[in-house]
Protein backbone atom coordinates (compact mmCIF):
# COMPACT_ATOMS: atom_id res chain seq x y z
CA UNK A 1 -18.04 -175.94 -10.74
CA UNK A 2 -17.74 -175.80 -6.97
CA UNK A 3 -16.88 -172.11 -7.03
CA UNK A 4 -20.18 -171.30 -8.77
CA UNK A 5 -23.28 -171.40 -6.58
CA UNK A 6 -25.20 -174.59 -7.37
CA UNK A 7 -27.43 -174.68 -4.32
CA UNK A 8 -29.11 -172.28 -1.94
CA UNK A 9 -26.69 -171.24 0.74
CA UNK A 10 -27.77 -168.62 3.21
CA UNK A 11 -25.42 -168.10 6.10
CA UNK A 12 -26.73 -166.64 9.29
CA UNK A 13 -25.18 -163.22 9.53
CA UNK A 14 -25.90 -160.72 12.22
CA UNK A 15 -25.70 -157.04 11.67
CA UNK A 16 -21.96 -156.29 11.65
CA UNK A 17 -20.79 -152.86 12.61
CA UNK A 18 -19.60 -150.66 9.77
CA UNK A 19 -15.85 -150.66 9.65
CA UNK A 20 -14.50 -147.48 11.21
CA UNK A 21 -11.25 -145.82 10.35
CA UNK A 22 -9.44 -147.51 13.19
CA UNK A 23 -11.30 -150.83 13.05
CA UNK A 24 -9.19 -153.87 13.73
CA UNK A 25 -8.80 -156.33 10.90
CA UNK A 26 -7.98 -160.01 11.05
CA UNK A 27 -4.29 -160.88 11.12
CA UNK A 28 -2.46 -160.85 7.83
CA UNK A 29 -2.57 -164.13 5.96
CA UNK A 30 0.82 -163.66 4.32
CA UNK A 31 3.98 -161.71 4.81
CA UNK A 32 4.31 -158.76 2.43
CA UNK A 33 7.69 -159.86 1.18
CA UNK A 34 8.23 -163.53 2.05
CA UNK A 35 6.59 -165.11 -1.03
CA UNK A 36 8.14 -164.57 -4.44
CA UNK A 37 10.83 -162.17 -3.28
CA UNK A 38 11.88 -159.77 -6.03
CA UNK A 39 15.24 -160.33 -7.66
CA UNK A 40 17.25 -158.45 -10.25
CA UNK A 41 18.11 -154.78 -10.58
CA UNK A 42 15.66 -151.96 -10.00
CA UNK A 43 15.67 -148.55 -11.66
CA UNK A 44 18.45 -146.40 -10.21
CA UNK A 45 17.80 -143.16 -12.09
CA UNK A 46 15.98 -140.37 -10.29
CA UNK A 47 12.69 -138.98 -11.55
CA UNK A 48 14.51 -135.91 -12.84
CA UNK A 49 17.02 -138.06 -14.71
CA UNK A 50 14.23 -140.10 -16.24
CA UNK A 51 12.47 -136.86 -17.15
CA UNK A 52 15.46 -135.66 -19.12
CA UNK A 53 15.81 -139.02 -20.84
CA UNK A 54 12.11 -138.99 -21.76
CA UNK A 55 12.47 -135.51 -23.27
CA UNK A 56 15.43 -136.72 -25.32
CA UNK A 57 13.32 -139.65 -26.49
CA UNK A 58 10.69 -137.30 -27.92
CA UNK A 59 8.66 -136.19 -24.93
CA UNK A 60 5.42 -138.02 -25.76
CA UNK A 61 3.42 -140.56 -23.80
CA UNK A 62 0.12 -142.37 -24.51
CA UNK A 63 -1.65 -144.28 -21.76
CA UNK A 64 -4.73 -146.46 -22.18
CA UNK A 65 -6.47 -146.36 -18.80
CA UNK A 66 -9.52 -148.23 -17.57
CA UNK A 67 -12.30 -145.97 -16.37
CA UNK A 68 -15.83 -144.70 -16.79
CA UNK A 69 -15.70 -141.13 -18.10
CA UNK A 70 -13.71 -139.53 -20.94
CA UNK A 71 -12.02 -136.96 -18.68
CA UNK A 72 -11.76 -139.14 -15.58
CA UNK A 73 -7.96 -139.12 -15.48
CA UNK A 74 -7.34 -135.56 -16.67
CA UNK A 75 -6.11 -134.64 -13.20
CA UNK A 76 -3.43 -137.33 -13.46
CA UNK A 77 -2.22 -136.00 -16.80
CA UNK A 78 -2.24 -132.47 -15.41
CA UNK A 79 -0.22 -133.49 -12.35
CA UNK A 80 2.23 -135.48 -14.41
CA UNK A 81 2.90 -132.74 -16.95
CA UNK A 82 3.13 -130.13 -14.20
CA UNK A 83 5.79 -132.23 -12.47
CA UNK A 84 7.55 -133.06 -15.75
CA UNK A 85 7.29 -130.07 -18.12
CA UNK A 86 7.67 -130.76 -21.80
CA UNK A 87 6.10 -134.22 -21.71
CA UNK A 88 3.03 -134.41 -23.93
CA UNK A 89 0.84 -136.96 -22.16
CA UNK A 90 -2.38 -138.37 -23.60
CA UNK A 91 -4.67 -140.54 -21.47
CA UNK A 92 -7.43 -142.44 -23.25
CA UNK A 93 -10.12 -143.68 -20.87
CA UNK A 94 -12.40 -146.59 -21.71
CA UNK A 95 -13.76 -149.70 -20.07
CA UNK A 96 -10.86 -152.10 -19.54
CA UNK A 97 -12.75 -154.83 -21.38
CA UNK A 98 -12.62 -152.67 -24.53
CA UNK A 99 -9.06 -151.44 -24.10
CA UNK A 100 -7.63 -154.94 -23.81
CA UNK A 101 -9.10 -156.24 -27.07
CA UNK A 102 -8.27 -152.90 -28.70
CA UNK A 103 -4.61 -153.49 -27.80
CA UNK A 104 -4.88 -157.08 -29.08
CA UNK A 105 -6.21 -155.83 -32.41
CA UNK A 106 -3.56 -153.14 -32.69
CA UNK A 107 -0.82 -155.68 -32.02
CA UNK A 108 -2.29 -158.00 -34.62
CA UNK A 109 -2.46 -155.23 -37.22
CA UNK A 110 0.87 -153.58 -36.46
CA UNK A 111 -0.82 -150.34 -35.38
CA UNK A 112 -0.08 -150.08 -31.65
CA UNK A 113 -0.98 -146.70 -30.14
CA UNK A 114 -0.37 -146.79 -26.36
CA UNK A 115 2.99 -146.97 -24.65
CA UNK A 116 1.51 -148.46 -21.52
CA UNK A 117 -1.78 -149.78 -20.19
CA UNK A 118 -3.46 -149.37 -16.79
CA UNK A 119 -6.36 -151.81 -16.57
CA UNK A 120 -8.72 -153.81 -14.37
CA UNK A 121 -8.59 -156.89 -16.63
CA UNK A 122 -5.89 -158.59 -14.58
CA UNK A 123 -5.92 -161.79 -16.61
CA UNK A 124 -4.67 -159.95 -19.70
CA UNK A 125 -1.32 -159.16 -18.09
CA UNK A 126 -0.43 -162.83 -17.58
CA UNK A 127 -1.47 -163.55 -21.16
CA UNK A 128 0.43 -160.61 -22.64
CA UNK A 129 3.50 -161.59 -20.61
CA UNK A 130 3.35 -165.15 -21.94
CA UNK A 131 2.93 -163.83 -25.48
CA UNK A 132 5.99 -161.62 -25.09
CA UNK A 133 4.19 -158.29 -25.46
CA UNK A 134 5.27 -156.72 -22.14
CA UNK A 135 8.55 -155.02 -21.33
CA UNK A 136 10.08 -156.49 -18.19
CA UNK A 137 11.05 -153.56 -16.03
CA UNK A 138 11.52 -153.03 -12.30
CA UNK A 139 10.95 -149.43 -11.24
CA UNK A 140 12.58 -147.87 -8.22
CA UNK A 141 11.06 -149.31 -5.06
CA UNK A 142 9.97 -152.49 -6.83
CA UNK A 143 11.06 -154.62 -3.87
CA UNK A 144 8.88 -152.47 -1.58
CA UNK A 145 5.72 -153.41 -3.46
CA UNK A 146 3.59 -156.04 -1.78
CA UNK A 147 4.14 -159.33 -3.61
CA UNK A 148 0.51 -159.36 -4.78
CA UNK A 149 1.14 -156.08 -6.58
CA UNK A 150 4.11 -157.00 -8.77
CA UNK A 151 5.06 -159.62 -11.29
CA UNK A 152 8.28 -161.32 -10.12
CA UNK A 153 10.02 -160.53 -13.41
CA UNK A 154 8.67 -156.99 -13.62
CA UNK A 155 6.26 -157.57 -16.52
CA UNK A 156 3.63 -155.57 -14.62
CA UNK A 157 3.10 -153.71 -11.37
CA UNK A 158 -0.01 -152.43 -9.62
CA UNK A 159 -0.13 -148.67 -9.34
CA UNK A 160 -3.11 -148.24 -7.02
CA UNK A 161 -5.48 -150.13 -4.75
CA UNK A 162 -9.15 -149.88 -5.66
CA UNK A 163 -12.01 -151.27 -3.59
CA UNK A 164 -15.70 -151.82 -4.40
CA UNK A 165 -18.45 -151.92 -1.79
CA UNK A 166 -21.69 -150.05 -1.10
CA UNK A 167 -22.36 -146.45 -0.06
CA UNK A 168 -25.18 -144.28 1.19
CA UNK A 169 -26.23 -140.63 1.28
CA UNK A 170 -26.19 -139.37 4.83
CA UNK A 171 -29.10 -136.98 4.30
CA UNK A 172 -31.20 -139.63 2.56
CA UNK A 173 -30.80 -142.37 5.18
CA UNK A 174 -30.69 -140.17 8.28
CA UNK A 175 -30.05 -142.21 11.43
CA UNK A 176 -31.03 -145.43 9.67
CA UNK A 177 -27.91 -146.02 7.59
CA UNK A 178 -27.45 -149.53 6.15
CA UNK A 179 -24.76 -151.32 8.08
CA UNK A 180 -24.21 -154.48 6.01
CA UNK A 181 -25.20 -155.77 2.57
CA UNK A 182 -28.00 -157.68 4.29
CA UNK A 183 -29.75 -154.37 4.93
CA UNK A 184 -29.99 -153.67 1.19
CA UNK A 185 -32.93 -156.05 0.81
CA UNK A 186 -35.02 -154.35 3.49
CA UNK A 187 -38.29 -153.32 1.78
CA UNK A 188 -37.91 -149.75 3.08
CA UNK A 189 -35.14 -149.22 0.51
CA UNK A 190 -37.25 -150.33 -2.45
CA UNK A 191 -36.78 -147.89 -5.31
CA UNK A 192 -33.98 -146.12 -3.45
CA UNK A 193 -30.93 -148.16 -4.55
CA UNK A 194 -28.64 -147.46 -7.51
CA UNK A 195 -26.04 -149.90 -8.78
CA UNK A 196 -23.67 -150.40 -11.65
CA UNK A 197 -24.55 -153.53 -13.61
CA UNK A 198 -22.68 -156.52 -12.18
CA UNK A 199 -22.73 -158.19 -15.61
CA UNK A 200 -21.10 -155.18 -17.29
CA UNK A 201 -18.01 -154.72 -15.10
CA UNK A 202 -15.99 -157.68 -13.84
CA UNK A 203 -15.07 -155.92 -10.59
CA UNK A 204 -18.71 -155.29 -9.71
CA UNK A 205 -19.48 -158.82 -10.90
CA UNK A 206 -17.02 -160.22 -8.40
CA UNK A 207 -18.53 -158.11 -5.61
CA UNK A 208 -21.99 -159.45 -6.42
CA UNK A 209 -20.56 -162.97 -6.62
CA UNK A 210 -19.21 -162.57 -3.08
CA UNK A 211 -22.61 -161.32 -1.92
CA UNK A 212 -24.40 -164.25 -3.59
CA UNK A 213 -22.00 -166.78 -2.09
CA UNK A 214 -22.30 -165.29 1.38
CA UNK A 215 -26.03 -164.49 1.53
CA UNK A 216 -27.54 -166.94 -0.98
CA UNK A 217 -29.72 -166.72 -4.07
CA UNK A 218 -32.74 -165.69 -1.98
CA UNK A 219 -30.86 -162.50 -1.14
CA UNK A 220 -30.18 -161.90 -4.85
CA UNK A 221 -33.86 -162.44 -5.67
CA UNK A 222 -34.91 -160.04 -2.91
CA UNK A 223 -32.47 -157.43 -4.20
CA UNK A 224 -33.86 -157.87 -7.72
CA UNK A 225 -37.30 -157.07 -6.29
CA UNK A 226 -36.03 -153.75 -4.90
CA UNK A 227 -36.41 -151.92 -8.23
CA UNK A 228 -32.69 -151.16 -8.31
CA UNK A 229 -31.66 -148.35 -10.67
CA UNK A 230 -29.00 -150.11 -12.73
CA UNK A 231 -26.68 -148.09 -14.97
CA UNK A 232 -23.38 -148.50 -16.80
CA UNK A 233 -20.17 -147.20 -15.25
CA UNK A 234 -18.87 -147.81 -11.75
CA UNK A 235 -19.19 -144.11 -11.00
CA UNK A 236 -22.96 -144.25 -11.57
CA UNK A 237 -23.94 -145.34 -8.02
CA UNK A 238 -22.15 -142.40 -6.40
CA UNK A 239 -23.53 -140.02 -9.02
CA UNK A 240 -27.06 -141.23 -8.26
CA UNK A 241 -26.60 -140.87 -4.49
CA UNK A 242 -24.90 -137.49 -4.82
CA UNK A 243 -27.65 -136.27 -7.10
CA UNK A 244 -30.46 -137.39 -4.82
CA UNK A 245 -31.79 -140.05 -7.21
CA UNK A 246 -30.92 -142.83 -4.75
CA UNK A 247 -30.23 -143.26 -1.06
CA UNK A 248 -27.87 -146.22 -1.47
CA UNK A 249 -25.31 -147.08 -4.14
CA UNK A 250 -23.80 -150.51 -4.82
CA UNK A 251 -20.75 -151.42 -6.87
CA UNK A 252 -18.58 -148.34 -6.74
CA UNK A 253 -15.30 -147.17 -5.26
CA UNK A 254 -14.77 -144.95 -2.25
CA UNK A 255 -12.72 -144.35 0.86
CA UNK A 256 -13.09 -145.29 4.51
CA UNK A 257 -11.02 -142.23 5.35
CA UNK A 258 -13.67 -139.76 4.19
CA UNK A 259 -14.72 -137.31 6.91
CA UNK A 260 -18.11 -137.81 8.52
CA UNK A 261 -19.21 -134.52 6.98
CA UNK A 262 -19.05 -135.97 3.46
CA UNK A 263 -22.55 -136.33 1.97
CA UNK A 264 -21.80 -139.82 0.63
CA UNK A 265 -20.28 -142.45 2.90
CA UNK A 266 -18.61 -145.51 1.38
CA UNK A 267 -18.72 -148.36 3.84
CA UNK A 268 -17.38 -151.82 4.57
CA UNK A 269 -19.01 -153.98 7.22
CA UNK A 270 -16.60 -155.79 9.49
CA UNK A 271 -16.79 -159.50 8.73
CA UNK A 272 -18.80 -159.01 5.54
CA UNK A 273 -17.40 -159.19 2.02
CA UNK A 274 -16.12 -156.40 -0.15
CA UNK A 275 -13.51 -156.60 -2.89
CA UNK A 276 -10.23 -154.88 -3.63
CA UNK A 277 -7.51 -155.26 -6.20
CA UNK A 278 -4.38 -153.62 -7.56
CA UNK A 279 -4.94 -151.77 -10.85
CA UNK A 280 -2.16 -153.15 -13.03
CA UNK A 281 0.28 -151.18 -15.15
CA UNK A 282 2.54 -152.48 -17.89
CA UNK A 283 4.77 -151.08 -20.62
CA UNK A 284 4.22 -152.62 -24.04
CA UNK A 285 7.38 -153.97 -25.62
CA UNK A 286 6.56 -152.17 -28.89
CA UNK A 287 6.01 -148.82 -27.13
CA UNK A 288 7.22 -145.78 -29.07
CA UNK A 289 8.11 -143.96 -25.83
CA UNK A 290 9.31 -146.58 -23.32
CA UNK A 291 11.37 -144.11 -21.28
CA UNK A 292 8.39 -141.80 -20.77
CA UNK A 293 6.39 -144.86 -19.75
CA UNK A 294 9.08 -145.76 -17.20
CA UNK A 295 8.97 -142.20 -15.89
CA UNK A 296 5.21 -142.46 -15.36
CA UNK A 297 5.44 -145.78 -13.52
CA UNK A 298 8.21 -144.53 -11.24
CA UNK A 299 6.19 -141.40 -10.50
CA UNK A 300 3.01 -143.37 -9.71
CA UNK A 301 4.86 -145.78 -7.42
CA UNK A 302 6.93 -143.15 -5.62
CA UNK A 303 6.35 -143.03 -1.87
CA UNK A 304 5.21 -139.42 -2.21
CA UNK A 305 2.41 -140.34 -4.62
CA UNK A 306 1.44 -143.48 -2.72
CA UNK A 307 1.08 -141.52 0.51
CA UNK A 308 -1.60 -139.45 -1.23
CA UNK A 309 -3.76 -142.41 -2.33
CA UNK A 310 -7.39 -141.28 -2.35
CA UNK A 311 -8.60 -144.21 -0.24
CA UNK A 312 -5.60 -144.39 2.10
CA UNK A 313 -4.34 -147.75 0.84
CA UNK A 314 -0.99 -148.14 -0.87
CA UNK A 315 0.58 -150.90 -2.94
CA UNK A 316 3.86 -150.31 -1.07
CA UNK A 317 4.76 -152.11 2.15
CA UNK A 318 6.74 -149.12 3.46
CA UNK A 319 3.86 -146.62 3.24
CA UNK A 320 1.59 -146.42 6.28
CA UNK A 321 -2.10 -146.29 5.29
CA UNK A 322 -3.92 -143.08 6.11
CA UNK A 323 -6.66 -142.62 8.67
CA UNK A 324 -5.75 -145.53 10.92
CA UNK A 325 -6.43 -148.14 8.24
CA UNK A 326 -4.45 -151.34 8.05
CA UNK A 327 -2.75 -152.36 4.79
CA UNK A 328 -5.29 -153.75 2.36
CA UNK A 329 -3.70 -157.21 2.44
CA UNK A 330 -4.62 -157.46 6.13
CA UNK A 331 -8.36 -157.42 5.35
CA UNK A 332 -9.36 -160.99 4.46
CA UNK A 333 -12.87 -159.80 3.58
CA UNK A 334 -11.31 -157.77 0.73
CA UNK A 335 -10.62 -161.04 -1.14
CA UNK A 336 -7.42 -159.64 -2.61
CA UNK A 337 -6.34 -163.05 -3.93
CA UNK A 338 -9.78 -164.09 -5.10
CA UNK A 339 -10.30 -161.46 -7.76
CA UNK A 340 -7.23 -162.36 -9.88
CA UNK A 341 -8.22 -166.04 -9.74
CA UNK A 342 -11.76 -165.17 -10.73
CA UNK A 343 -10.60 -163.03 -13.63
CA UNK A 344 -8.41 -165.84 -14.94
CA UNK A 345 -11.35 -168.24 -15.29
CA UNK A 346 -13.26 -166.63 -18.16
CA UNK A 347 -15.79 -169.48 -18.37
CA UNK A 348 -16.78 -168.90 -14.75
CA UNK A 349 -16.97 -165.14 -15.35
CA UNK A 350 -19.40 -165.72 -18.23
CA UNK A 351 -21.61 -168.02 -16.12
CA UNK A 352 -21.90 -165.41 -13.40
CA UNK A 353 -22.62 -162.65 -15.93
CA UNK A 354 -25.44 -164.52 -17.58
CA UNK A 355 -26.91 -165.66 -14.27
CA UNK A 356 -27.10 -162.09 -12.98
CA UNK A 357 -28.67 -161.08 -16.29
CA UNK A 358 -31.48 -163.50 -15.49
CA UNK A 359 -32.08 -161.72 -12.20
CA UNK A 360 -31.50 -158.10 -13.23
CA UNK A 361 -32.12 -158.00 -16.99
CA UNK A 362 -29.81 -157.20 -19.87
CA UNK A 363 -27.31 -154.34 -19.72
CA UNK A 364 -28.78 -151.22 -21.30
CA UNK A 365 -27.24 -147.94 -22.45
CA UNK A 366 -24.21 -146.77 -24.36
CA UNK A 367 -20.78 -147.09 -22.71
CA UNK A 368 -20.17 -144.03 -20.56
CA UNK A 369 -16.75 -143.21 -22.07
CA UNK A 370 -18.40 -143.20 -25.52
CA UNK A 371 -17.49 -145.33 -28.55
CA UNK A 372 -13.80 -144.79 -29.18
CA UNK A 373 -13.12 -147.07 -32.12
CA UNK A 374 -9.93 -148.94 -32.93
CA UNK A 375 -7.15 -146.37 -32.56
CA UNK A 376 -8.01 -143.61 -30.05
CA UNK A 377 -5.03 -141.41 -29.29
CA UNK A 378 -3.31 -142.08 -32.59
């Protein structure tokens, strides 16, 4: 296929400056609200009214959330239950690629556990919508969501923007910080790079795909010769850099708004690729606690919560990004449209996975959230 590299293609790329907090981005490629304008009623109840309705419903909520560590989202559950006393919230964290088929199996066996899902596997939401498994619901502020972050009929919304790029430890690199992905293949960094496996996580896979398309297969081969410390979990690169096991981490999330005093700096090079997407949320039509699920979605999408996004980017068009950033949809090198298209073509995803396995070896190690079985949270 034309979208899969079939020939060597190395583009001349000079050293781009790392994107600063106030760096200018290219003009937006689309209006936030012009395409696919939302229609139909939005939620009119306040959070407090939804809270009372959720308590009357039974006061329980189970969320299946994509992530890397068992307790990764405990702070979200704590904040939610502190804001809405009496709600018993359970968050089960696992790789999205396990949660989605887990939900499929539960639906097939009449044993559904979660009320809602929050996953990276974007293609599943279109499929579940077509199969009639998702509750169509428009939370308050639905029309303020950027059109890329909402289904027109309300079958799903995106609750947060997540971006993947590379990072470095300030103490480890000193004054010689890598400025672009091209610097990662410099021999001086051999044995000093950690990365999550691109063929284990589709988000990291897409980032590596962008690198391969931009810099060519020679770049991939040179990176493979760098003795990269590959591990499972997209938090592993930052853990390795934080712990002093690596100077550079590839394939993890971070924030361009982090102060210069932070020991790990996540970076995006102006004019060079990184990737970002909206982590999708949906209520399952067979949910036992749909009102509590609606409460959670309204809370996550509230302007107050969106203004506190860890990386400064919001899914809402009426929330100004922090730290002088532009809205994520104004960064063409974030490939915001490309990732959903990539995820929808599962044959292409598999080709890229197996090709990177040829360069970097098979994925090794147990999944970092552990083995959770068929019905966690039941």
